[in-house]
Amino acid sequence: MKNRVKVFRAMHDLTQEQLADTLGVTRQTILAIEKGKYDPSLELAFRMARHFKVSIEEIFLWEEQAEGT
């Protein structure tokens, strides 16, 4: 799943560490999410959206996979 976490983090002038501390996760979790290597739990996605005062869909971009993949 693609995401815009890095964009929103930059818009709010936050480091990965600062965002991680605010959300109660590690910096490595934020890094993995930004690189698309880890999809956050629904709870964490909602916390991010609330923190940035946007909808989840503005941060996380759902891409349906083609049939058979």
PDB file of N, CA and C in Angstrom:
ATOM      1  N   MET A   1       0.849  -1.172   0.000  1.00  0.00           N
ATOM      2  CA  MET A   1       0.000   0.000   0.000  1.00  0.00           C
ATOM      3  C   MET A   1       0.898   1.239   0.000  1.00  0.00           C
ATOM      4  N   LYS A   2       0.622   2.132  -0.915  1.00  0.00           N
ATOM      5  CA  LYS A   2       1.390   3.368  -0.965  1.00  0.00           C
ATOM      6  C   LYS A   2       0.892   4.311   0.131  1.00  0.00           C
ATOM      7  N   ASN A   3       1.775   5.219   0.526  1.00  0.00           N
ATOM      8  CA  ASN A   3       1.375   6.169   1.559  1.00  0.00           C
ATOM      9  C   ASN A   3       2.098   7.492   1.382  1.00  0.00           C
ATOM     10  N   ARG A   4       1.591   8.495   2.087  1.00  0.00           N
ATOM     11  CA  ARG A   4       2.163   9.839   2.038  1.00  0.00           C
ATOM     12  C   ARG A   4       2.639  10.280   3.419  1.00  0.00           C
ATOM     13  N   VAL A   5       3.040   9.319   4.249  1.00  0.00           N
ATOM     14  CA  VAL A   5       3.469   9.636   5.612  1.00  0.00           C
ATOM     15  C   VAL A   5       4.641  10.608   5.590  1.00  0.00           C
ATOM     16  N   LYS A   6       5.616  10.349   4.746  1.00  0.00           N
ATOM     17  CA  LYS A   6       6.797  11.218   4.685  1.00  0.00           C
ATOM     18  C   LYS A   6       6.404  12.644   4.293  1.00  0.00           C
ATOM     19  N   VAL A   7       5.460  12.769   3.368  1.00  0.00           N
ATOM     20  CA  VAL A   7       4.991  14.092   2.923  1.00  0.00           C
ATOM     21  C   VAL A   7       4.337  14.837   4.089  1.00  0.00           C
ATOM     22  N   PHE A   8       3.418  14.152   4.790  1.00  0.00           N
ATOM     23  CA  PHE A   8       2.741  14.799   5.917  1.00  0.00           C
ATOM     24  C   PHE A   8       3.710  15.114   7.040  1.00  0.00           C
ATOM     25  N   ARG A   9       4.677  14.231   7.260  1.00  0.00           N
ATOM     26  CA  ARG A   9       5.680  14.476   8.295  1.00  0.00           C
ATOM     27  C   ARG A   9       6.494  15.725   7.957  1.00  0.00           C
ATOM     28  N   ALA A  10       6.875  15.855   6.696  1.00  0.00           N
ATOM     29  CA  ALA A  10       7.638  17.029   6.258  1.00  0.00           C
ATOM     30  C   ALA A  10       6.803  18.304   6.357  1.00  0.00           C
ATOM     31  N   MET A  11       5.522  18.211   6.001  1.00  0.00           N
ATOM     32  CA  MET A  11       4.637  19.381   6.080  1.00  0.00           C
ATOM     33  C   MET A  11       4.508  19.887   7.515  1.00  0.00           C
ATOM     34  N   HIS A  12       4.643  18.980   8.485  1.00  0.00           N
ATOM     35  CA  HIS A  12       4.525  19.353   9.894  1.00  0.00           C
ATOM     36  C   HIS A  12       5.892  19.483  10.564  1.00  0.00           C
ATOM     37  N   ASP A  13       6.948  19.447   9.747  1.00  0.00           N
ATOM     38  CA  ASP A  13       8.319  19.622  10.230  1.00  0.00           C
ATOM     39  C   ASP A  13       8.645  18.669  11.382  1.00  0.00           C
ATOM     40  N   LEU A  14       8.334  17.388  11.173  1.00  0.00           N
ATOM     41  CA  LEU A  14       8.594  16.359  12.180  1.00  0.00           C
ATOM     42  C   LEU A  14       9.658  15.394  11.693  1.00  0.00           C
ATOM     43  N   THR A  15      10.511  14.967  12.607  1.00  0.00           N
ATOM     44  CA  THR A  15      11.446  13.892  12.283  1.00  0.00           C
ATOM     45  C   THR A  15      10.712  12.563  12.449  1.00  0.00           C
ATOM     46  N   GLN A  16      11.308  11.497  11.946  1.00  0.00           N
ATOM     47  CA  GLN A  16      10.725  10.168  12.152  1.00  0.00           C
ATOM     48  C   GLN A  16      10.624   9.879  13.646  1.00  0.00           C
ATOM     49  N   GLU A  17      11.638  10.253  14.385  1.00  0.00           N
ATOM     50  CA  GLU A  17      11.677  10.015  15.829  1.00  0.00           C
ATOM     51  C   GLU A  17      10.551  10.764  16.539  1.00  0.00           C
ATOM     52  N   GLN A  18      10.330  12.023  16.175  1.00  0.00           N
ATOM     53  CA  GLN A  18       9.268  12.808  16.807  1.00  0.00           C
ATOM     54  C   GLN A  18       7.887  12.212  16.531  1.00  0.00           C
ATOM     55  N   LEU A  19       7.644  11.821  15.285  1.00  0.00           N
ATOM     56  CA  LEU A  19       6.363  11.222  14.941  1.00  0.00           C
ATOM     57  C   LEU A  19       6.196   9.891  15.668  1.00  0.00           C
ATOM     58  N   ALA A  20       7.242   9.099  15.709  1.00  0.00           N
ATOM     59  CA  ALA A  20       7.188   7.808  16.403  1.00  0.00           C
ATOM     60  C   ALA A  20       6.848   8.003  17.878  1.00  0.00           C
ATOM     61  N   ASP A  21       7.499   8.949  18.533  1.00  0.00           N
ATOM     62  CA  ASP A  21       7.232   9.222  19.948  1.00  0.00           C
ATOM     63  C   ASP A  21       5.785   9.633  20.168  1.00  0.00           C
ATOM     64  N   THR A  22       5.277  10.485  19.293  1.00  0.00           N
ATOM     65  CA  THR A  22       3.897  10.951  19.397  1.00  0.00           C
ATOM     66  C   THR A  22       2.910   9.802  19.254  1.00  0.00           C
ATOM     67  N   LEU A  23       3.212   8.868  18.351  1.00  0.00           N
ATOM     68  CA  LEU A  23       2.294   7.763  18.057  1.00  0.00           C
ATOM     69  C   LEU A  23       2.538   6.530  18.923  1.00  0.00           C
ATOM     70  N   GLY A  24       3.617   6.539  19.698  1.00  0.00           N
ATOM     71  CA  GLY A  24       3.905   5.401  20.566  1.00  0.00           C
ATOM     72  C   GLY A  24       4.466   4.199  19.848  1.00  0.00           C
ATOM     73  N   VAL A  25       5.240   4.458  18.786  1.00  0.00           N
ATOM     74  CA  VAL A  25       5.900   3.375  18.048  1.00  0.00           C
ATOM     75  C   VAL A  25       7.380   3.717  17.917  1.00  0.00           C
ATOM     76  N   THR A  26       8.144   2.838  17.305  1.00  0.00           N
ATOM     77  CA  THR A  26       9.575   3.096  17.123  1.00  0.00           C
ATOM     78  C   THR A  26       9.822   3.871  15.825  1.00  0.00           C
ATOM     79  N   ARG A  27      10.988   4.479  15.756  1.00  0.00           N
ATOM     80  CA  ARG A  27      11.386   5.175  14.526  1.00  0.00           C
ATOM     81  C   ARG A  27      11.470   4.185  13.381  1.00  0.00           C
ATOM     82  N   GLN A  28      11.902   2.959  13.676  1.00  0.00           N
ATOM     83  CA  GLN A  28      12.016   1.931  12.650  1.00  0.00           C
ATOM     84  C   GLN A  28      10.645   1.600  12.046  1.00  0.00           C
ATOM     85  N   THR A  29       9.592   1.662  12.860  1.00  0.00           N
ATOM     86  CA  THR A  29       8.238   1.423  12.359  1.00  0.00           C
ATOM     87  C   THR A  29       7.856   2.506  11.367  1.00  0.00           C
ATOM     88  N   ILE A  30       8.129   3.767  11.713  1.00  0.00           N
ATOM     89  CA  ILE A  30       7.815   4.881  10.805  1.00  0.00           C
ATOM     90  C   ILE A  30       8.606   4.733   9.511  1.00  0.00           C
ATOM     91  N   LEU A  31       9.873   4.396   9.618  1.00  0.00           N
ATOM     92  CA  LEU A  31      10.718   4.197   8.435  1.00  0.00           C
ATOM     93  C   LEU A  31      10.152   3.092   7.546  1.00  0.00           C
ATOM     94  N   ALA A  32       9.780   1.965   8.140  1.00  0.00           N
ATOM     95  CA  ALA A  32       9.250   0.838   7.367  1.00  0.00           C
ATOM     96  C   ALA A  32       7.934   1.212   6.684  1.00  0.00           C
ATOM     97  N   ILE A  33       7.086   1.973   7.363  1.00  0.00           N
ATOM     98  CA  ILE A  33       5.824   2.418   6.764  1.00  0.00           C
ATOM     99  C   ILE A  33       6.110   3.343   5.582  1.00  0.00           C
ATOM    100  N   GLU A  34       7.004   4.314   5.787  1.00  0.00           N
ATOM    101  CA  GLU A  34       7.324   5.258   4.714  1.00  0.00           C
ATOM    102  C   GLU A  34       7.884   4.554   3.486  1.00  0.00           C
ATOM    103  N   LYS A  35       8.668   3.513   3.687  1.00  0.00           N
ATOM    104  CA  LYS A  35       9.271   2.784   2.558  1.00  0.00           C
ATOM    105  C   LYS A  35       8.338   1.748   1.958  1.00  0.00           C
ATOM    106  N   GLY A  36       7.137   1.598   2.535  1.00  0.00           N
ATOM    107  CA  GLY A  36       6.177   0.641   2.016  1.00  0.00           C
ATOM    108  C   GLY A  36       6.486  -0.800   2.363  1.00  0.00           C
ATOM    109  N   LYS A  37       7.368  -1.010   3.342  1.00  0.00           N
ATOM    110  CA  LYS A  37       7.731  -2.364   3.749  1.00  0.00           C
ATOM    111  C   LYS A  37       6.820  -2.895   4.847  1.00  0.00           C
ATOM    112  N   TYR A  38       5.996  -2.017   5.427  1.00  0.00           N
ATOM    113  CA  TYR A  38       5.119  -2.413   6.528  1.00  0.00           C
ATOM    114  C   TYR A  38       3.830  -1.612   6.432  1.00  0.00           C
ATOM    115  N   ASP A  39       2.707  -2.312   6.479  1.00  0.00           N
ATOM    116  CA  ASP A  39       1.410  -1.640   6.519  1.00  0.00           C
ATOM    117  C   ASP A  39       0.982  -1.537   7.975  1.00  0.00           C
ATOM    118  N   PRO A  40       0.669  -0.341   8.447  1.00  0.00           N
ATOM    119  CA  PRO A  40       0.308  -0.182   9.857  1.00  0.00           C
ATOM    120  C   PRO A  40      -1.039  -0.830  10.165  1.00  0.00           C
ATOM    121  N   SER A  41      -1.244  -1.101  11.433  1.00  0.00           N
ATOM    122  CA  SER A  41      -2.553  -1.592  11.871  1.00  0.00           C
ATOM    123  C   SER A  41      -3.577  -0.491  11.619  1.00  0.00           C
ATOM    124  N   LEU A  42      -4.826  -0.878  11.594  1.00  0.00           N
ATOM    125  CA  LEU A  42      -5.891   0.104  11.409  1.00  0.00           C
ATOM    126  C   LEU A  42      -5.858   1.138  12.528  1.00  0.00           C
ATOM    127  N   GLU A  43      -5.597   0.683  13.746  1.00  0.00           N
ATOM    128  CA  GLU A  43      -5.518   1.600  14.889  1.00  0.00           C
ATOM    129  C   GLU A  43      -4.417   2.642  14.680  1.00  0.00           C
ATOM    130  N   LEU A  44      -3.241   2.204  14.257  1.00  0.00           N
ATOM    131  CA  LEU A  44      -2.135   3.134  14.031  1.00  0.00           C
ATOM    132  C   LEU A  44      -2.448   4.073  12.874  1.00  0.00           C
ATOM    133  N   ALA A  45      -3.069   3.580  11.831  1.00  0.00           N
ATOM    134  CA  ALA A  45      -3.448   4.435  10.700  1.00  0.00           C
ATOM    135  C   ALA A  45      -4.409   5.526  11.158  1.00  0.00           C
ATOM    136  N   PHE A  46      -5.386   5.167  12.012  1.00  0.00           N
ATOM    137  CA  PHE A  46      -6.312   6.164  12.542  1.00  0.00           C
ATOM    138  C   PHE A  46      -5.586   7.182  13.424  1.00  0.00           C
ATOM    139  N   ARG A  47      -4.633   6.716  14.231  1.00  0.00           N
ATOM    140  CA  ARG A  47      -3.876   7.653  15.082  1.00  0.00           C
ATOM    141  C   ARG A  47      -3.094   8.633  14.228  1.00  0.00           C
ATOM    142  N   MET A  48      -2.493   8.142  13.137  1.00  0.00           N
ATOM    143  CA  MET A  48      -1.751   9.035  12.235  1.00  0.00           C
ATOM    144  C   MET A  48      -2.693  10.070  11.621  1.00  0.00           C
ATOM    145  N   ALA A  49      -3.825   9.604  11.133  1.00  0.00           N
ATOM    146  CA  ALA A  49      -4.788  10.509  10.501  1.00  0.00           C
ATOM    147  C   ALA A  49      -5.255  11.568  11.488  1.00  0.00           C
ATOM    148  N   ARG A  50      -5.546  11.145  12.713  1.00  0.00           N
ATOM    149  CA  ARG A  50      -5.972  12.114  13.741  1.00  0.00           C
ATOM    150  C   ARG A  50      -4.870  13.109  14.038  1.00  0.00           C
ATOM    151  N   HIS A  51      -3.637  12.612  14.124  1.00  0.00           N
ATOM    152  CA  HIS A  51      -2.503  13.491  14.422  1.00  0.00           C
ATOM    153  C   HIS A  51      -2.349  14.582  13.349  1.00  0.00           C
ATOM    154  N   PHE A  52      -2.477  14.178  12.092  1.00  0.00           N
ATOM    155  CA  PHE A  52      -2.319  15.130  10.993  1.00  0.00           C
ATOM    156  C   PHE A  52      -3.622  15.838  10.624  1.00  0.00           C
ATOM    157  N   LYS A  53      -4.727  15.466  11.317  1.00  0.00           N
ATOM    158  CA  LYS A  53      -6.040  16.087  11.090  1.00  0.00           C
ATOM    159  C   LYS A  53      -6.515  15.940   9.634  1.00  0.00           C
ATOM    160  N   VAL A  54      -6.350  14.715   9.124  1.00  0.00           N
ATOM    161  CA  VAL A  54      -6.802  14.378   7.770  1.00  0.00           C
ATOM    162  C   VAL A  54      -7.470  13.007   7.819  1.00  0.00           C
ATOM    163  N   SER A  55      -8.076  12.607   6.708  1.00  0.00           N
ATOM    164  CA  SER A  55      -8.665  11.272   6.644  1.00  0.00           C
ATOM    165  C   SER A  55      -7.567  10.249   6.355  1.00  0.00           C
ATOM    166  N   ILE A  56      -7.849   9.008   6.698  1.00  0.00           N
ATOM    167  CA  ILE A  56      -6.885   7.930   6.419  1.00  0.00           C
ATOM    168  C   ILE A  56      -6.570   7.871   4.927  1.00  0.00           C
ATOM    169  N   GLU A  57      -7.596   8.090   4.100  1.00  0.00           N
ATOM    170  CA  GLU A  57      -7.409   8.006   2.647  1.00  0.00           C
ATOM    171  C   GLU A  57      -6.449   9.061   2.108  1.00  0.00           C
ATOM    172  N   GLU A  58      -6.263  10.149   2.843  1.00  0.00           N
ATOM    173  CA  GLU A  58      -5.315  11.174   2.396  1.00  0.00           C
ATOM    174  C   GLU A  58      -3.871  10.750   2.648  1.00  0.00           C
ATOM    175  N   ILE A  59      -3.680   9.839   3.599  1.00  0.00           N
ATOM    176  CA  ILE A  59      -2.334   9.364   3.926  1.00  0.00           C
ATOM    177  C   ILE A  59      -2.019   8.054   3.218  1.00  0.00           C
ATOM    178  N   PHE A  60      -2.977   7.125   3.257  1.00  0.00           N
ATOM    179  CA  PHE A  60      -2.760   5.787   2.705  1.00  0.00           C
ATOM    180  C   PHE A  60      -3.567   5.608   1.433  1.00  0.00           C
ATOM    181  N   LEU A  61      -2.883   5.195   0.383  1.00  0.00           N
ATOM    182  CA  LEU A  61      -3.492   5.067  -0.931  1.00  0.00           C
ATOM    183  C   LEU A  61      -3.674   3.599  -1.273  1.00  0.00           C
ATOM    184  N   TRP A  62      -4.910   3.159  -1.320  1.00  0.00           N
ATOM    185  CA  TRP A  62      -5.221   1.763  -1.609  1.00  0.00           C
ATOM    186  C   TRP A  62      -5.092   1.503  -3.099  1.00  0.00           C
ATOM    187  N   GLU A  63      -4.379   0.447  -3.439  1.00  0.00           N
ATOM    188  CA  GLU A  63      -4.240   0.040  -4.839  1.00  0.00           C
ATOM    189  C   GLU A  63      -4.742  -1.380  -4.947  1.00  0.00           C
ATOM    190  N   GLU A  64      -5.834  -1.556  -5.674  1.00  0.00           N
ATOM    191  CA  GLU A  64      -6.345  -2.902  -5.860  1.00  0.00           C
ATOM    192  C   GLU A  64      -5.408  -3.654  -6.795  1.00  0.00           C
ATOM    193  N   GLN A  65      -5.155  -4.903  -6.439  1.00  0.00           N
ATOM    194  CA  GLN A  65      -4.284  -5.722  -7.288  1.00  0.00           C
ATOM    195  C   GLN A  65      -5.113  -6.329  -8.401  1.00  0.00           C
ATOM    196  N   ALA A  66      -4.484  -6.534  -9.521  1.00  0.00           N
ATOM    197  CA  ALA A  66      -5.167  -7.168 -10.651  1.00  0.00           C
ATOM    198  C   ALA A  66      -5.514  -8.605 -10.284  1.00  0.00           C
ATOM    199  N   GLU A  67      -6.566  -9.103 -10.890  1.00  0.00           N
ATOM    200  CA  GLU A  67      -6.974 -10.480 -10.607  1.00  0.00           C
ATOM    201  C   GLU A  67      -5.852 -11.432 -10.962  1.00  0.00           C
ATOM    202  N   GLY A  68      -5.707 -12.450 -10.108  1.00  0.00           N
ATOM    203  CA  GLY A  68      -4.697 -13.477 -10.368  1.00  0.00           C
ATOM    204  C   GLY A  68      -3.322 -13.137  -9.811  1.00  0.00           C
ATOM    205  N   THR A  69      -3.189 -12.002  -9.123  1.00  0.00           N
ATOM    206  CA  THR A  69      -1.883 -11.665  -8.543  1.00  0.00           C
ATOM    207  C   THR A  69      -1.952 -11.639  -7.056  1.00  0.00           C
TER     208      THR A  69
END
